[in-house]
Amino acid sequence: MVIKAVLLENKIVIYEGFERLEEKNYGKRIEDRLELSLVEGLYLLEKGKIQIGRKSFKSLLKFALKRDPRMHEKYMVYRDLRNRGFVVKTGFKFGCDFRVYQRGVGVKRGPKTPKEHTKWIVFAVPEDYACSFAELSRAVRLAHSIRARMLWAVVDNENDITYYEVLRMKP
């Protein structure tokens, strides 16, 4: 069954029939609706799970790229992680691209068991990306502060993704 959704500025909203998507940790429920990020919407549109008016995957991607020039890398990484069975949520409030949880974990608010915490924070970057040591240090410290591990997801020109875990070590 394809679920009807509506595109509103920088998010996609579903007003009915979204329970199955919510169970699979897509979007964020707000009162009587489910709100998806553009990257989640792209994924679900490509998979044929949602319909957004007459928007095709290509037209939605073009729309998303106008709002976020890094959307291509973000989408490739999001799709890869979801296809591997991980629960992937936006990392906006943590200053990263994504929060990733172990397979099968339900994302919830409030107290969590160690297994329910964010496993990784992920930064999606193109292969020609350059960063300073200060930026890298901030990313690692951020991950450490929320008891997660930090991954750089490097997307090359062939859309292959290589993940690099960067750890903080104390001598």
Protein backbone atom coordinates (compact mmCIF):
# COMPACT_ATOMS: atom_id res chain seq x y z
CA MET A 1 0.00 0.00 0.00
CA VAL A 2 1.38 3.40 -1.00
CA ILE A 3 0.84 6.14 1.59
CA LYS A 4 -0.09 9.64 0.46
CA ALA A 5 2.18 12.41 1.73
CA VAL A 6 2.42 16.19 1.33
CA LEU A 7 5.57 18.26 0.74
CA LEU A 8 5.76 21.32 2.99
CA GLU A 9 8.87 23.53 2.57
CA ASN A 10 11.60 21.36 4.13
CA LYS A 11 9.64 18.34 5.32
CA ILE A 12 7.15 15.74 4.18
CA VAL A 13 3.97 15.23 6.17
CA ILE A 14 1.70 12.20 6.34
CA TYR A 15 -1.72 12.66 7.92
CA GLU A 16 -3.12 9.14 7.84
CA GLY A 17 -2.04 5.55 7.46
CA PHE A 18 1.48 6.17 8.78
CA GLU A 19 1.47 3.75 11.72
CA ARG A 20 3.59 1.10 9.99
CA LEU A 21 6.22 3.70 9.05
CA GLU A 22 6.26 5.00 12.61
CA GLU A 23 6.77 1.45 13.92
CA LYS A 24 9.83 1.17 11.67
CA ASN A 25 11.27 4.39 13.17
CA TYR A 26 10.62 6.71 10.24
CA GLY A 27 9.87 10.34 10.94
CA LYS A 28 8.63 12.02 14.05
CA ARG A 29 5.04 11.89 15.22
CA ILE A 30 3.60 15.29 16.04
CA GLU A 31 0.02 15.09 17.29
CA ASP A 32 -2.01 13.51 14.46
CA ARG A 33 0.67 13.44 11.77
CA LEU A 34 4.04 11.96 10.92
CA GLU A 35 6.72 14.39 9.77
CA LEU A 36 9.58 13.09 7.64
CA SER A 37 12.83 14.82 6.78
CA LEU A 38 13.57 15.28 3.08
CA VAL A 39 16.15 12.48 3.17
CA GLU A 40 13.60 10.07 4.72
CA GLY A 41 11.03 11.13 2.15
CA LEU A 42 13.47 10.51 -0.70
CA TYR A 43 14.19 7.04 0.61
CA LEU A 44 10.54 6.10 1.06
CA LEU A 45 9.62 7.57 -2.33
CA GLU A 46 12.39 5.58 -4.03
CA LYS A 47 11.19 2.43 -2.25
CA GLY A 48 7.60 3.04 -3.43
CA LYS A 49 6.26 3.35 0.14
CA ILE A 50 4.94 6.91 -0.19
CA GLN A 51 3.51 9.13 -2.90
CA ILE A 52 4.02 12.89 -2.80
CA GLY A 53 1.52 14.31 -5.26
CA ARG A 54 3.06 13.92 -8.72
CA LYS A 55 6.66 14.23 -7.51
CA SER A 56 9.11 11.69 -8.85
CA PHE A 57 12.26 10.71 -6.98
CA LYS A 58 14.30 12.82 -9.40
CA SER A 59 12.15 15.94 -8.95
CA LEU A 60 12.17 15.59 -5.15
CA LEU A 61 15.95 15.18 -5.17
CA LYS A 62 16.29 18.32 -7.30
CA PHE A 63 14.02 20.19 -4.85
CA ALA A 64 16.04 18.89 -1.86
CA LEU A 65 19.39 19.83 -3.45
CA LYS A 66 18.22 23.45 -3.75
CA ARG A 67 17.69 23.49 0.02
CA ASP A 68 20.77 21.50 0.93
CA PRO A 69 23.72 21.22 -1.49
CA ARG A 70 25.00 18.22 0.51
CA MET A 71 21.76 16.25 0.03
CA HIS A 72 23.31 13.83 -2.47
CA GLU A 73 25.94 12.60 -0.01
CA LYS A 74 23.43 12.57 2.84
CA TYR A 75 20.96 10.54 0.82
CA MET A 76 23.54 7.99 -0.33
CA VAL A 77 24.67 7.42 3.27
CA TYR A 78 21.10 7.35 4.65
CA ARG A 79 20.05 4.80 2.03
CA ASP A 80 23.12 2.64 2.68
CA LEU A 81 22.58 2.58 6.44
CA ARG A 82 18.83 1.90 6.14
CA ASN A 83 19.43 -0.85 3.60
CA ARG A 84 21.82 -2.45 6.11
CA GLY A 85 18.98 -2.52 8.65
CA PHE A 86 20.06 0.31 10.96
CA VAL A 87 17.68 2.83 12.48
CA VAL A 88 18.73 6.24 11.16
CA LYS A 89 17.49 9.57 12.53
CA THR A 90 18.47 13.15 11.85
CA GLY A 91 21.45 14.42 13.79
CA PHE A 92 20.58 18.10 13.41
CA LYS A 93 20.28 18.86 17.13
CA PHE A 94 23.65 17.19 17.74
CA GLY A 95 25.46 19.03 14.95
CA CYS A 96 25.94 15.96 12.76
CA ASP A 97 24.09 14.50 9.79
CA PHE A 98 22.66 11.36 11.38
CA ARG A 99 22.23 9.45 14.62
CA VAL A 100 22.37 5.71 14.05
CA TYR A 101 20.98 3.08 16.37
CA GLN A 102 21.57 -0.66 16.48
CA ARG A 103 19.34 -2.87 14.38
CA GLY A 104 15.96 -3.52 15.96
CA VAL A 105 16.13 -0.70 18.50
CA GLY A 106 13.04 1.43 18.96
CA VAL A 107 13.93 5.10 19.32
CA LYS A 108 12.33 6.67 22.37
CA ARG A 109 12.60 9.69 24.59
CA GLY A 110 13.57 9.62 28.23
CA PRO A 111 15.70 7.07 30.07
CA LYS A 112 17.31 4.45 27.85
CA THR A 113 19.14 1.20 28.33
CA PRO A 114 22.71 1.14 26.98
CA LYS A 115 21.50 -0.72 23.87
CA GLU A 116 18.90 2.00 23.16
CA HIS A 117 21.43 4.85 23.00
CA THR A 118 22.78 6.26 19.77
CA LYS A 119 25.51 3.91 18.55
CA TRP A 120 27.10 6.30 16.03
CA ILE A 121 26.87 9.87 14.92
CA VAL A 122 27.58 10.14 11.22
CA PHE A 123 28.94 12.90 9.01
CA ALA A 124 28.35 12.38 5.27
CA VAL A 125 31.03 13.99 3.12
CA PRO A 126 32.21 13.84 -0.51
CA GLU A 127 35.59 12.26 -1.21
CA ASP A 128 37.22 15.63 -1.89
CA TYR A 129 36.13 17.05 1.48
CA ALA A 130 38.82 18.66 3.60
CA CYS A 131 38.45 19.43 7.28
CA SER A 132 40.61 20.93 9.96
CA PHE A 133 41.87 19.04 13.00
CA ALA A 134 39.70 21.34 15.11
CA GLU A 135 36.57 20.26 13.20
CA LEU A 136 37.54 16.61 13.52
CA SER A 137 38.22 17.05 17.23
CA ARG A 138 34.81 18.70 17.78
CA ALA A 139 33.08 15.80 16.02
CA VAL A 140 34.86 13.20 18.14
CA ARG A 141 34.17 15.12 21.37
CA LEU A 142 30.51 15.45 20.42
CA ALA A 143 30.23 11.71 19.92
CA HIS A 144 32.05 11.02 23.17
CA SER A 145 29.76 13.40 25.10
CA ILE A 146 26.66 11.41 24.10
CA ARG A 147 28.34 8.00 24.54
CA ALA A 148 28.38 7.35 20.80
CA ARG A 149 31.09 6.68 18.24
CA MET A 150 31.87 9.04 15.38
CA LEU A 151 31.85 7.95 11.73
CA TRP A 152 32.90 9.87 8.63
CA ALA A 153 30.94 8.44 5.71
CA VAL A 154 32.93 9.32 2.60
CA VAL A 155 30.96 9.15 -0.67
CA ASP A 156 33.17 8.81 -3.75
CA ASN A 157 32.41 9.79 -7.34
CA GLU A 158 30.98 6.32 -8.06
CA ASN A 159 28.65 6.66 -5.02
CA ASP A 160 30.54 4.01 -3.06
CA ILE A 161 30.71 4.76 0.64
CA THR A 162 33.64 4.15 2.96
CA TYR A 163 33.10 4.56 6.69
CA TYR A 164 35.91 5.76 8.94
CA GLU A 165 35.55 5.58 12.68
CA VAL A 166 37.56 8.21 14.53
CA LEU A 167 38.19 7.55 18.21
CA ARG A 168 39.45 9.67 21.07
CA MET A 169 42.41 8.02 22.74
CA LYS A 170 43.93 8.97 26.05
CA PRO A 171 47.62 8.07 26.43
